[in-house]
Every structure is written in C-alpha cells, then in structure tokens.
N, C-alpha and C. Protein backbone atom coordinates (compact mmCIF):
# COMPACT_ATOMS: atom_id res chain seq x y z
N MET A 1 89.76 15.47 -53.67
CA MET A 1 88.67 16.01 -54.45
C MET A 1 89.17 17.26 -55.17
N PRO A 2 88.96 17.38 -56.47
CA PRO A 2 89.48 18.54 -57.20
C PRO A 2 88.70 19.80 -56.86
N ASP A 3 89.39 20.92 -56.94
CA ASP A 3 88.75 22.21 -56.69
C ASP A 3 88.25 22.79 -57.99
N PHE A 4 86.97 23.10 -58.06
CA PHE A 4 86.37 23.70 -59.23
C PHE A 4 85.99 25.13 -58.91
N PRO A 5 86.01 26.02 -59.92
CA PRO A 5 85.52 27.38 -59.67
C PRO A 5 84.05 27.33 -59.30
N VAL A 6 83.63 28.18 -58.42
CA VAL A 6 82.24 28.18 -57.98
C VAL A 6 81.63 29.55 -58.15
N LEU A 7 80.34 29.55 -58.37
CA LEU A 7 79.57 30.78 -58.45
C LEU A 7 78.81 30.96 -57.14
N PRO A 8 78.71 32.16 -56.63
CA PRO A 8 77.93 32.35 -55.41
C PRO A 8 76.46 32.14 -55.69
N SER A 9 75.78 31.58 -54.74
CA SER A 9 74.36 31.34 -54.91
C SER A 9 73.58 32.63 -54.70
N MET A 10 72.37 32.67 -55.19
CA MET A 10 71.55 33.86 -55.10
C MET A 10 70.61 33.81 -53.89
N SER A 11 70.98 33.09 -52.85
CA SER A 11 70.13 32.96 -51.68
C SER A 11 70.12 34.27 -50.88
N LEU A 12 68.96 34.64 -50.38
CA LEU A 12 68.84 35.84 -49.57
C LEU A 12 69.19 35.58 -48.11
N VAL A 13 69.13 34.32 -47.70
CA VAL A 13 69.45 33.95 -46.33
C VAL A 13 70.91 33.50 -46.30
N PRO A 14 71.80 34.22 -45.55
CA PRO A 14 73.22 33.87 -45.56
C PRO A 14 73.52 32.46 -45.08
N SER A 15 72.73 31.94 -44.13
CA SER A 15 73.01 30.61 -43.61
C SER A 15 72.67 29.51 -44.62
N MET A 16 71.87 29.82 -45.62
CA MET A 16 71.46 28.82 -46.60
C MET A 16 72.23 28.98 -47.90
N LYS A 17 73.40 29.61 -47.84
CA LYS A 17 74.21 29.82 -49.03
C LYS A 17 74.82 28.51 -49.48
N ARG A 18 74.83 28.24 -50.79
CA ARG A 18 75.53 27.08 -51.32
C ARG A 18 76.27 27.49 -52.57
N GLN A 19 77.32 26.80 -52.88
CA GLN A 19 78.14 27.13 -54.03
C GLN A 19 77.76 26.24 -55.21
N LEU A 20 77.62 26.84 -56.39
CA LEU A 20 77.29 26.09 -57.59
C LEU A 20 78.56 25.88 -58.41
N PRO A 21 78.83 24.66 -58.87
CA PRO A 21 80.03 24.43 -59.67
C PRO A 21 79.88 25.05 -61.06
N LEU A 22 81.01 25.50 -61.61
CA LEU A 22 81.02 26.12 -62.92
C LEU A 22 81.83 25.24 -63.87
N ASN A 23 81.23 24.80 -64.95
CA ASN A 23 81.93 24.01 -65.94
C ASN A 23 82.67 24.97 -66.86
N THR A 24 83.99 25.03 -66.73
CA THR A 24 84.77 26.03 -67.46
C THR A 24 84.80 25.76 -68.96
N ILE A 25 84.72 24.51 -69.37
CA ILE A 25 84.75 24.18 -70.80
C ILE A 25 83.48 24.70 -71.48
N SER A 26 82.32 24.39 -70.92
CA SER A 26 81.08 24.85 -71.54
C SER A 26 80.93 26.36 -71.43
N ALA A 27 81.46 26.95 -70.35
CA ALA A 27 81.38 28.41 -70.22
C ALA A 27 82.26 29.10 -71.26
N SER A 28 83.43 28.53 -71.55
CA SER A 28 84.29 29.15 -72.56
C SER A 28 83.72 28.99 -73.96
N ILE A 29 83.11 27.85 -74.25
CA ILE A 29 82.47 27.67 -75.57
C ILE A 29 81.29 28.63 -75.70
N ALA A 30 80.49 28.76 -74.64
CA ALA A 30 79.36 29.69 -74.67
C ALA A 30 79.83 31.12 -74.85
N GLY A 31 80.93 31.49 -74.19
CA GLY A 31 81.49 32.83 -74.36
C GLY A 31 81.96 33.07 -75.78
N ALA A 32 82.57 32.06 -76.39
CA ALA A 32 83.01 32.19 -77.79
C ALA A 32 81.82 32.37 -78.72
N VAL A 33 80.73 31.66 -78.46
CA VAL A 33 79.52 31.81 -79.29
C VAL A 33 78.96 33.21 -79.16
N ILE A 34 78.95 33.76 -77.94
CA ILE A 34 78.43 35.11 -77.74
C ILE A 34 79.33 36.14 -78.44
N LEU A 35 80.64 35.97 -78.33
CA LEU A 35 81.55 36.90 -79.01
C LEU A 35 81.40 36.83 -80.53
N LEU A 36 81.24 35.63 -81.07
CA LEU A 36 81.03 35.47 -82.51
C LEU A 36 79.74 36.14 -82.95
N SER A 37 78.67 35.95 -82.19
CA SER A 37 77.40 36.57 -82.57
C SER A 37 77.46 38.09 -82.44
N ALA A 38 78.19 38.60 -81.44
CA ALA A 38 78.34 40.04 -81.31
C ALA A 38 79.12 40.61 -82.48
N GLY A 39 80.16 39.89 -82.91
CA GLY A 39 80.92 40.33 -84.08
C GLY A 39 80.09 40.34 -85.34
N LEU A 40 79.27 39.31 -85.52
CA LEU A 40 78.39 39.27 -86.70
C LEU A 40 77.35 40.38 -86.64
N THR A 41 76.90 40.73 -85.46
CA THR A 41 75.94 41.83 -85.33
C THR A 41 76.57 43.15 -85.73
N VAL A 42 77.82 43.36 -85.31
CA VAL A 42 78.51 44.61 -85.67
C VAL A 42 78.73 44.67 -87.19
N LEU A 43 79.11 43.55 -87.79
CA LEU A 43 79.37 43.54 -89.23
C LEU A 43 78.11 43.71 -90.08
N THR A 44 77.03 43.02 -89.70
CA THR A 44 75.82 43.02 -90.53
C THR A 44 74.77 44.01 -90.07
N ARG A 45 74.92 44.58 -88.86
CA ARG A 45 73.95 45.51 -88.28
C ARG A 45 72.55 44.91 -88.16
N GLN A 46 72.51 43.62 -87.84
CA GLN A 46 71.23 42.93 -87.62
C GLN A 46 71.25 42.33 -86.21
N PRO A 47 70.33 42.76 -85.34
CA PRO A 47 70.35 42.30 -83.94
C PRO A 47 69.96 40.84 -83.76
N GLY A 48 69.48 40.21 -84.79
CA GLY A 48 69.11 38.80 -84.69
C GLY A 48 70.28 37.89 -84.36
N TRP A 49 71.50 38.29 -84.76
CA TRP A 49 72.68 37.49 -84.46
C TRP A 49 72.94 37.41 -82.96
N VAL A 50 72.76 38.52 -82.25
CA VAL A 50 72.98 38.50 -80.81
C VAL A 50 71.92 37.65 -80.11
N ILE A 51 70.69 37.79 -80.52
CA ILE A 51 69.61 37.02 -79.91
C ILE A 51 69.84 35.52 -80.13
N GLY A 52 70.16 35.15 -81.35
CA GLY A 52 70.44 33.74 -81.65
C GLY A 52 71.69 33.25 -80.93
N GLY A 53 72.70 34.10 -80.83
CA GLY A 53 73.93 33.72 -80.14
C GLY A 53 73.71 33.48 -78.66
N VAL A 54 72.92 34.31 -78.03
CA VAL A 54 72.64 34.13 -76.60
C VAL A 54 71.85 32.84 -76.37
N VAL A 55 70.88 32.57 -77.24
CA VAL A 55 70.11 31.32 -77.12
C VAL A 55 71.02 30.11 -77.32
N MET A 56 71.89 30.15 -78.35
CA MET A 56 72.81 29.04 -78.60
C MET A 56 73.80 28.87 -77.43
N ALA A 57 74.28 29.99 -76.89
CA ALA A 57 75.22 29.92 -75.77
C ALA A 57 74.56 29.29 -74.54
N LEU A 58 73.32 29.64 -74.27
CA LEU A 58 72.61 29.02 -73.15
C LEU A 58 72.42 27.53 -73.36
N LEU A 59 72.07 27.14 -74.58
CA LEU A 59 71.88 25.72 -74.86
C LEU A 59 73.20 24.95 -74.71
N VAL A 60 74.29 25.52 -75.20
CA VAL A 60 75.60 24.86 -75.06
C VAL A 60 75.98 24.75 -73.60
N HIS A 61 75.81 25.83 -72.86
CA HIS A 61 76.21 25.84 -71.46
C HIS A 61 75.40 24.84 -70.62
N MET A 62 74.12 24.69 -70.93
CA MET A 62 73.29 23.77 -70.16
C MET A 62 73.46 22.32 -70.59
N SER A 63 73.90 22.07 -71.83
CA SER A 63 73.94 20.70 -72.32
C SER A 63 75.26 19.99 -72.06
N LEU A 64 76.37 20.71 -71.97
CA LEU A 64 77.66 20.05 -71.74
C LEU A 64 77.88 19.85 -70.24
N LYS A 65 78.06 18.61 -69.85
CA LYS A 65 78.29 18.28 -68.44
C LYS A 65 79.60 17.51 -68.32
N MET A 66 80.30 17.72 -67.22
CA MET A 66 81.54 16.99 -66.96
C MET A 66 81.29 15.96 -65.88
N CYS A 67 81.85 14.78 -66.09
CA CYS A 67 81.74 13.70 -65.12
C CYS A 67 83.01 13.69 -64.29
N ASN A 68 82.89 13.61 -62.97
CA ASN A 68 84.07 13.54 -62.12
C ASN A 68 84.76 12.19 -62.31
N SER A 69 86.01 12.12 -61.92
CA SER A 69 86.82 10.92 -62.21
C SER A 69 86.31 9.67 -61.49
N TRP A 70 85.55 9.81 -60.43
CA TRP A 70 85.06 8.65 -59.70
C TRP A 70 83.61 8.29 -60.05
N GLN A 71 82.98 9.06 -60.90
CA GLN A 71 81.57 8.84 -61.20
C GLN A 71 81.38 7.90 -62.39
N ARG A 72 80.31 7.16 -62.33
CA ARG A 72 79.88 6.35 -63.47
C ARG A 72 78.55 6.92 -63.92
N VAL A 73 78.25 6.76 -65.18
CA VAL A 73 77.06 7.40 -65.72
C VAL A 73 76.28 6.41 -66.58
N LEU A 74 74.97 6.54 -66.60
CA LEU A 74 74.10 5.71 -67.42
C LEU A 74 74.00 6.33 -68.80
N VAL A 75 74.31 5.57 -69.84
CA VAL A 75 74.30 6.08 -71.21
C VAL A 75 73.00 5.66 -71.88
N LEU A 76 72.26 6.66 -72.36
CA LEU A 76 71.01 6.42 -73.09
C LEU A 76 71.19 6.90 -74.52
N ARG A 77 70.78 6.08 -75.47
CA ARG A 77 70.79 6.50 -76.87
C ARG A 77 69.42 6.16 -77.44
N ALA A 78 68.75 7.17 -77.94
CA ALA A 78 67.40 7.04 -78.49
C ALA A 78 66.46 6.40 -77.47
N GLY A 79 66.65 6.74 -76.19
CA GLY A 79 65.77 6.26 -75.15
C GLY A 79 66.06 4.85 -74.68
N LYS A 80 67.07 4.18 -75.22
CA LYS A 80 67.40 2.82 -74.81
C LYS A 80 68.70 2.83 -74.01
N ILE A 81 68.73 2.02 -72.97
CA ILE A 81 69.90 1.95 -72.11
C ILE A 81 71.04 1.24 -72.84
N GLN A 82 72.18 1.90 -72.91
CA GLN A 82 73.36 1.32 -73.54
C GLN A 82 74.32 0.75 -72.51
N GLY A 83 74.14 1.11 -71.24
CA GLY A 83 74.96 0.56 -70.18
C GLY A 83 75.57 1.65 -69.31
N LEU A 84 76.34 1.22 -68.32
CA LEU A 84 77.05 2.14 -67.43
C LEU A 84 78.45 2.37 -67.98
N ARG A 85 78.88 3.59 -67.98
CA ARG A 85 80.22 3.92 -68.47
C ARG A 85 80.94 4.75 -67.42
N GLY A 86 82.23 4.56 -67.36
CA GLY A 86 83.06 5.34 -66.48
C GLY A 86 83.64 6.53 -67.23
N PRO A 87 84.40 7.37 -66.55
CA PRO A 87 84.98 8.53 -67.20
C PRO A 87 86.03 8.10 -68.24
N GLY A 88 86.20 8.93 -69.26
CA GLY A 88 87.21 8.65 -70.28
C GLY A 88 86.65 7.93 -71.37
C-alpha cells in the first residue's frame, strides 16, 4: 500500500484521531492559484483577486480526486452511467 502524506484530524478526543489523506496534485494546483491571485492583487491593488483565487483554489482542491491503483470507479457523464473504469 503506498504511503500518502496525511493531515492530522481536528478531533478533540485523542483516541478518536484519524488521518486524512492529502492529494498533493490538487494541493499544488490550488497553491498555484492562490499565489497567482495574490500576485494579481499586488499588481492591481484590488482585493477581489484574492477572494476569487481562494474560492477557485477550494473548488480545484475539492474536485480533483486520485484513484488508487487497485480501485475501479463508476464513470457518469451527464447523469448516465458510462461503465466501470480502472486506473489509467
């Protein structure tokens, strides 16, 4: 089983702690979006770029998912089942 970076959970009870996997690809894309929006804010002096960048970064981070090498996934397009697909 591959080792993925994990984030500590926010549980207050130590015995109920669980580790959340971190998708490094979506996190790096989200970080790039935030850096780009921060740069545009500095250049244009308009705070709307940072607000939009944070929203876009959250959407990117939540929407990109990685499938493990042994998993199969159900593919839906426009609400219709296209079939089961494996990784790759």
